Amino acid sequence: MRVINRTYHSFEAEEAAIKCYCGNEEVDKGTWDRKTGSGTFDRVDALPNFGDGKIEFHVPVAKVYNNLEKWNLEGTVKYKSNKPVIDTGEYAIPEIGICLEYVLSEKQIANLKEIVEIV
């Protein structure tokens, strides 16, 4: 997922949490924390001023679910500005909400079923 920062401030990612659903069934969930450097995210980038960053999270699919067509990601990523904001002298701490729906095509569903059955 691409995150776009169009402000004068640079931000470091502080923590992240996400859940993945296939239909109404929870498939996977994960967290990430900058202080411990641990978590299940593959990548959580800092956001340079007027720059882009990425968030990557891998969802292992271990079984064939009832309806493989609709997939949802829900979660949050919290950032903290690298410097205090000039107006207040405090650090900005924005939180980005993640709410994505992805619909697989018939071909993608067939490919996914094939991969899951091999494992």
N, C-alpha and C. Protein backbone atom coordinates (compact mmCIF):
# COMPACT_ATOMS: atom_id res chain seq x y z
N MET A 1 0.85 -1.15 0.00
CA MET A 1 0.00 0.00 0.00
C MET A 1 0.91 1.23 0.00
N ARG A 2 0.58 2.18 -0.79
CA ARG A 2 1.34 3.42 -0.90
C ARG A 2 0.74 4.47 0.04
N VAL A 3 1.59 5.14 0.81
CA VAL A 3 1.16 6.22 1.70
C VAL A 3 1.80 7.50 1.19
N ILE A 4 1.00 8.53 1.01
CA ILE A 4 1.47 9.79 0.43
C ILE A 4 1.45 10.88 1.50
N ASN A 5 2.58 11.56 1.66
CA ASN A 5 2.69 12.66 2.61
C ASN A 5 2.85 13.96 1.82
N ARG A 6 1.89 14.82 1.89
CA ARG A 6 1.95 16.10 1.18
C ARG A 6 2.00 17.26 2.17
N THR A 7 2.83 17.09 3.20
CA THR A 7 3.00 18.15 4.20
C THR A 7 4.47 18.55 4.27
N TYR A 8 4.76 19.61 5.03
CA TYR A 8 6.13 20.05 5.24
C TYR A 8 6.86 19.21 6.29
N HIS A 9 6.15 18.29 6.93
CA HIS A 9 6.71 17.51 8.03
C HIS A 9 7.09 16.10 7.58
N SER A 10 8.18 15.59 8.15
CA SER A 10 8.56 14.19 7.95
C SER A 10 8.06 13.39 9.15
N PHE A 11 7.71 12.12 8.90
CA PHE A 11 7.14 11.28 9.96
C PHE A 11 7.83 9.93 10.01
N GLU A 12 7.98 9.42 11.23
CA GLU A 12 8.46 8.05 11.44
C GLU A 12 7.26 7.21 11.85
N ALA A 13 7.19 6.00 11.34
CA ALA A 13 6.12 5.09 11.75
C ALA A 13 6.40 4.65 13.20
N GLU A 14 5.38 4.65 14.03
CA GLU A 14 5.51 4.26 15.43
C GLU A 14 4.97 2.85 15.67
N GLU A 15 3.77 2.59 15.16
CA GLU A 15 3.16 1.27 15.35
C GLU A 15 2.09 1.04 14.29
N ALA A 16 1.79 -0.23 14.07
CA ALA A 16 0.78 -0.58 13.08
C ALA A 16 0.06 -1.85 13.52
N ALA A 17 -1.20 -1.95 13.12
CA ALA A 17 -2.01 -3.14 13.39
C ALA A 17 -2.95 -3.35 12.21
N ILE A 18 -3.14 -4.60 11.83
CA ILE A 18 -4.00 -4.89 10.68
C ILE A 18 -4.66 -6.26 10.84
N LYS A 19 -5.85 -6.39 10.26
CA LYS A 19 -6.57 -7.66 10.21
C LYS A 19 -7.01 -7.89 8.77
N CYS A 20 -6.96 -9.13 8.34
CA CYS A 20 -7.39 -9.50 7.00
C CYS A 20 -8.56 -10.47 7.12
N TYR A 21 -9.59 -10.22 6.32
CA TYR A 21 -10.79 -11.05 6.31
C TYR A 21 -11.07 -11.58 4.91
N CYS A 22 -11.53 -12.80 4.85
CA CYS A 22 -12.07 -13.37 3.62
C CYS A 22 -13.56 -13.53 3.90
N GLY A 23 -14.37 -12.70 3.26
CA GLY A 23 -15.78 -12.64 3.63
C GLY A 23 -15.86 -12.12 5.05
N ASN A 24 -16.51 -12.86 5.95
CA ASN A 24 -16.61 -12.46 7.36
C ASN A 24 -15.61 -13.20 8.25
N GLU A 25 -14.82 -14.08 7.66
CA GLU A 25 -13.90 -14.91 8.43
C GLU A 25 -12.51 -14.26 8.53
N GLU A 26 -12.01 -14.12 9.76
CA GLU A 26 -10.68 -13.55 9.94
C GLU A 26 -9.63 -14.54 9.47
N VAL A 27 -8.77 -14.10 8.57
CA VAL A 27 -7.73 -14.96 8.00
C VAL A 27 -6.41 -14.76 8.74
N ASP A 28 -6.06 -13.51 9.00
CA ASP A 28 -4.77 -13.22 9.63
C ASP A 28 -4.83 -11.84 10.27
N LYS A 29 -3.95 -11.62 11.23
CA LYS A 29 -3.82 -10.30 11.83
C LYS A 29 -2.36 -10.10 12.18
N GLY A 30 -1.96 -8.84 12.27
CA GLY A 30 -0.57 -8.58 12.56
C GLY A 30 -0.36 -7.24 13.19
N THR A 31 0.81 -7.07 13.80
CA THR A 31 1.19 -5.82 14.43
C THR A 31 2.65 -5.52 14.09
N TRP A 32 3.02 -4.29 14.32
CA TRP A 32 4.40 -3.85 14.15
C TRP A 32 4.65 -2.72 15.12
N ASP A 33 5.84 -2.68 15.71
CA ASP A 33 6.18 -1.64 16.68
C ASP A 33 7.62 -1.17 16.43
N ARG A 34 7.81 0.12 16.28
CA ARG A 34 9.15 0.67 16.00
C ARG A 34 10.10 0.46 17.17
N LYS A 35 9.61 0.58 18.40
CA LYS A 35 10.48 0.47 19.58
C LYS A 35 11.11 -0.91 19.69
N THR A 36 10.34 -1.94 19.42
CA THR A 36 10.87 -3.30 19.51
C THR A 36 11.41 -3.78 18.17
N GLY A 37 11.00 -3.11 17.09
CA GLY A 37 11.45 -3.52 15.76
C GLY A 37 10.86 -4.85 15.33
N SER A 38 9.82 -5.27 16.02
CA SER A 38 9.25 -6.58 15.69
C SER A 38 7.82 -6.45 15.21
N GLY A 39 7.38 -7.49 14.58
CA GLY A 39 6.01 -7.55 14.11
C GLY A 39 5.89 -8.38 12.86
N THR A 40 4.69 -8.44 12.35
CA THR A 40 4.42 -9.31 11.20
C THR A 40 4.35 -8.55 9.88
N PHE A 41 4.56 -7.25 9.91
CA PHE A 41 4.57 -6.48 8.66
C PHE A 41 5.89 -6.71 7.94
N ASP A 42 5.85 -6.76 6.63
CA ASP A 42 7.06 -6.90 5.84
C ASP A 42 7.80 -5.57 5.72
N ARG A 43 7.03 -4.47 5.74
CA ARG A 43 7.64 -3.15 5.52
C ARG A 43 6.70 -2.06 6.03
N VAL A 44 7.26 -1.12 6.80
CA VAL A 44 6.53 0.08 7.21
C VAL A 44 7.53 1.23 7.08
N ASP A 45 7.37 2.03 6.03
CA ASP A 45 8.32 3.10 5.74
C ASP A 45 8.03 4.38 6.52
N ALA A 46 9.10 5.16 6.71
CA ALA A 46 8.95 6.53 7.19
C ALA A 46 8.37 7.36 6.05
N LEU A 47 7.82 8.51 6.38
CA LEU A 47 7.25 9.40 5.36
C LEU A 47 8.04 10.70 5.30
N PRO A 48 8.84 10.87 4.25
CA PRO A 48 9.55 12.14 4.10
C PRO A 48 8.57 13.25 3.72
N ASN A 49 8.94 14.50 4.02
CA ASN A 49 8.03 15.59 3.64
C ASN A 49 7.86 15.60 2.12
N PHE A 50 6.64 15.77 1.70
CA PHE A 50 6.25 15.74 0.29
C PHE A 50 6.74 14.47 -0.41
N GLY A 51 6.78 13.36 0.31
CA GLY A 51 7.25 12.10 -0.26
C GLY A 51 6.29 10.97 0.00
N ASP A 52 6.65 9.80 -0.49
CA ASP A 52 5.81 8.61 -0.38
C ASP A 52 6.50 7.55 0.47
N GLY A 53 5.70 6.70 1.05
CA GLY A 53 6.18 5.55 1.79
C GLY A 53 5.33 4.35 1.44
N LYS A 54 5.72 3.18 1.92
CA LYS A 54 4.95 1.96 1.67
C LYS A 54 4.71 1.20 2.96
N ILE A 55 3.60 0.47 2.95
CA ILE A 55 3.27 -0.46 4.01
C ILE A 55 3.02 -1.79 3.32
N GLU A 56 3.71 -2.84 3.77
CA GLU A 56 3.52 -4.17 3.17
C GLU A 56 3.22 -5.18 4.26
N PHE A 57 2.22 -6.00 4.00
CA PHE A 57 1.77 -7.02 4.93
C PHE A 57 1.43 -8.26 4.12
N HIS A 58 2.04 -9.39 4.43
CA HIS A 58 1.80 -10.64 3.70
C HIS A 58 0.75 -11.46 4.44
N VAL A 59 -0.26 -11.92 3.71
CA VAL A 59 -1.32 -12.73 4.30
C VAL A 59 -1.16 -14.18 3.83
N PRO A 60 -0.74 -15.07 4.73
CA PRO A 60 -0.65 -16.48 4.34
C PRO A 60 -2.05 -17.10 4.28
N VAL A 61 -2.36 -17.74 3.17
CA VAL A 61 -3.66 -18.39 3.01
C VAL A 61 -3.42 -19.89 3.11
N ALA A 62 -3.91 -20.49 4.20
CA ALA A 62 -3.63 -21.89 4.48
C ALA A 62 -4.77 -22.84 4.13
N LYS A 63 -5.94 -22.30 3.80
CA LYS A 63 -7.07 -23.16 3.46
C LYS A 63 -7.96 -22.44 2.46
N VAL A 64 -8.87 -23.19 1.86
CA VAL A 64 -9.83 -22.60 0.93
C VAL A 64 -11.05 -22.18 1.75
N TYR A 65 -11.35 -20.90 1.74
CA TYR A 65 -12.48 -20.36 2.49
C TYR A 65 -13.76 -20.48 1.67
N ASN A 66 -14.91 -20.31 2.34
CA ASN A 66 -16.21 -20.47 1.67
C ASN A 66 -16.35 -19.58 0.45
N ASN A 67 -15.98 -18.32 0.59
CA ASN A 67 -16.12 -17.37 -0.51
C ASN A 67 -14.80 -16.65 -0.69
N LEU A 68 -14.04 -17.04 -1.69
CA LEU A 68 -12.72 -16.44 -1.92
C LEU A 68 -12.78 -15.15 -2.72
N GLU A 69 -13.96 -14.70 -3.06
CA GLU A 69 -14.08 -13.54 -3.93
C GLU A 69 -13.71 -12.23 -3.23
N LYS A 70 -14.23 -11.99 -2.01
CA LYS A 70 -14.02 -10.69 -1.35
C LYS A 70 -13.03 -10.81 -0.19
N TRP A 71 -12.04 -9.92 -0.22
CA TRP A 71 -11.02 -9.84 0.83
C TRP A 71 -10.99 -8.42 1.37
N ASN A 72 -10.85 -8.28 2.69
CA ASN A 72 -10.82 -6.97 3.33
C ASN A 72 -9.62 -6.84 4.24
N LEU A 73 -8.99 -5.67 4.23
CA LEU A 73 -7.93 -5.31 5.16
C LEU A 73 -8.42 -4.14 5.99
N GLU A 74 -8.28 -4.25 7.31
CA GLU A 74 -8.68 -3.18 8.22
C GLU A 74 -7.59 -2.99 9.25
N GLY A 75 -7.26 -1.74 9.54
CA GLY A 75 -6.24 -1.51 10.55
C GLY A 75 -5.86 -0.05 10.66
N THR A 76 -4.74 0.20 11.36
CA THR A 76 -4.25 1.54 11.57
C THR A 76 -2.72 1.56 11.55
N VAL A 77 -2.18 2.71 11.17
CA VAL A 77 -0.75 2.96 11.28
C VAL A 77 -0.59 4.32 11.94
N LYS A 78 0.19 4.37 13.02
CA LYS A 78 0.43 5.62 13.74
C LYS A 78 1.83 6.13 13.40
N TYR A 79 1.91 7.42 13.12
CA TYR A 79 3.17 8.08 12.81
C TYR A 79 3.45 9.16 13.84
N LYS A 80 4.71 9.60 13.89
CA LYS A 80 5.09 10.73 14.75
C LYS A 80 6.03 11.62 13.96
N SER A 81 5.80 12.93 14.01
CA SER A 81 6.66 13.85 13.28
C SER A 81 8.08 13.80 13.83
N ASN A 82 9.06 14.01 12.94
CA ASN A 82 10.47 13.98 13.35
C ASN A 82 10.86 15.18 14.20
N LYS A 83 10.15 16.27 14.02
CA LYS A 83 10.41 17.51 14.77
C LYS A 83 9.08 18.04 15.29
N PRO A 84 9.14 18.83 16.35
CA PRO A 84 7.89 19.45 16.83
C PRO A 84 7.29 20.37 15.76
N VAL A 85 5.99 20.47 15.77
CA VAL A 85 5.28 21.36 14.85
C VAL A 85 5.52 22.79 15.32
N ILE A 86 5.80 23.68 14.40
CA ILE A 86 6.16 25.06 14.73
C ILE A 86 5.07 25.78 15.51
N ASP A 87 3.82 25.60 15.13
CA ASP A 87 2.71 26.33 15.77
C ASP A 87 2.55 26.00 17.25
N THR A 88 2.70 24.73 17.60
CA THR A 88 2.41 24.30 18.97
C THR A 88 3.64 23.88 19.76
N GLY A 89 4.73 23.54 19.08
CA GLY A 89 5.91 23.03 19.76
C GLY A 89 5.78 21.57 20.17
N GLU A 90 4.66 20.93 19.80
CA GLU A 90 4.44 19.52 20.12
C GLU A 90 4.61 18.68 18.85
N TYR A 91 4.83 17.41 19.04
CA TYR A 91 4.96 16.50 17.91
C TYR A 91 3.58 16.16 17.35
N ALA A 92 3.49 16.11 16.04
CA ALA A 92 2.25 15.68 15.39
C ALA A 92 2.22 14.16 15.40
N ILE A 93 1.07 13.58 15.73
CA ILE A 93 0.94 12.12 15.80
C ILE A 93 -0.30 11.71 15.00
N PRO A 94 -0.19 11.72 13.67
CA PRO A 94 -1.35 11.31 12.86
C PRO A 94 -1.52 9.79 12.85
N GLU A 95 -2.74 9.38 12.69
CA GLU A 95 -3.08 7.95 12.60
C GLU A 95 -3.82 7.74 11.29
N ILE A 96 -3.34 6.80 10.50
CA ILE A 96 -3.97 6.49 9.21
C ILE A 96 -4.80 5.23 9.36
N GLY A 97 -6.07 5.34 9.00
CA GLY A 97 -6.94 4.17 9.02
C GLY A 97 -6.86 3.42 7.70
N ILE A 98 -6.84 2.11 7.79
CA ILE A 98 -6.79 1.25 6.60
C ILE A 98 -8.12 0.52 6.49
N CYS A 99 -8.75 0.65 5.35
CA CYS A 99 -10.00 -0.06 5.09
C CYS A 99 -10.06 -0.31 3.59
N LEU A 100 -9.59 -1.49 3.19
CA LEU A 100 -9.52 -1.83 1.77
C LEU A 100 -10.34 -3.08 1.48
N GLU A 101 -11.01 -3.07 0.35
CA GLU A 101 -11.72 -4.27 -0.12
C GLU A 101 -11.15 -4.64 -1.49
N TYR A 102 -10.87 -5.92 -1.65
CA TYR A 102 -10.33 -6.40 -2.91
C TYR A 102 -11.20 -7.56 -3.38
N VAL A 103 -11.63 -7.50 -4.63
CA VAL A 103 -12.48 -8.55 -5.20
C VAL A 103 -11.65 -9.32 -6.23
N LEU A 104 -11.52 -10.62 -6.00
CA LEU A 104 -10.75 -11.48 -6.91
C LEU A 104 -11.59 -11.87 -8.13
N SER A 105 -10.94 -11.97 -9.27
CA SER A 105 -11.60 -12.45 -10.48
C SER A 105 -11.71 -13.97 -10.41
N GLU A 106 -12.50 -14.54 -11.30
CA GLU A 106 -12.64 -16.01 -11.36
C GLU A 106 -11.28 -16.68 -11.56
N LYS A 107 -10.46 -16.09 -12.42
CA LYS A 107 -9.13 -16.65 -12.71
C LYS A 107 -8.25 -16.59 -11.45
N GLN A 108 -8.29 -15.47 -10.73
CA GLN A 108 -7.49 -15.34 -9.51
C GLN A 108 -7.95 -16.33 -8.45
N ILE A 109 -9.25 -16.55 -8.34
CA ILE A 109 -9.79 -17.52 -7.38
C ILE A 109 -9.30 -18.92 -7.72
N ALA A 110 -9.35 -19.28 -9.00
CA ALA A 110 -8.89 -20.60 -9.44
C ALA A 110 -7.41 -20.78 -9.13
N ASN A 111 -6.60 -19.75 -9.40
CA ASN A 111 -5.16 -19.82 -9.11
C ASN A 111 -4.90 -19.96 -7.61
N LEU A 112 -5.64 -19.23 -6.80
CA LEU A 112 -5.48 -19.30 -5.35
C LEU A 112 -5.84 -20.69 -4.84
N LYS A 113 -6.95 -21.24 -5.33
CA LYS A 113 -7.35 -22.59 -4.92
C LYS A 113 -6.27 -23.61 -5.27
N GLU A 114 -5.69 -23.45 -6.43
CA GLU A 114 -4.64 -24.36 -6.89
C GLU A 114 -3.42 -24.28 -5.96
N ILE A 115 -3.03 -23.08 -5.60
CA ILE A 115 -1.86 -22.88 -4.73
C ILE A 115 -2.12 -23.45 -3.33
N VAL A 116 -3.30 -23.19 -2.78
CA VAL A 116 -3.64 -23.65 -1.44
C VAL A 116 -3.72 -25.17 -1.41
N GLU A 117 -4.26 -25.79 -2.43
CA GLU A 117 -4.38 -27.25 -2.46
C GLU A 117 -3.01 -27.92 -2.57
N ILE A 118 -2.04 -27.27 -3.19
CA ILE A 118 -0.68 -27.83 -3.30
C ILE A 118 0.00 -27.84 -1.93
N VAL A 119 -0.23 -26.78 -1.16
CA VAL A 119 0.39 -26.67 0.17
C VAL A 119 -0.29 -27.63 1.08
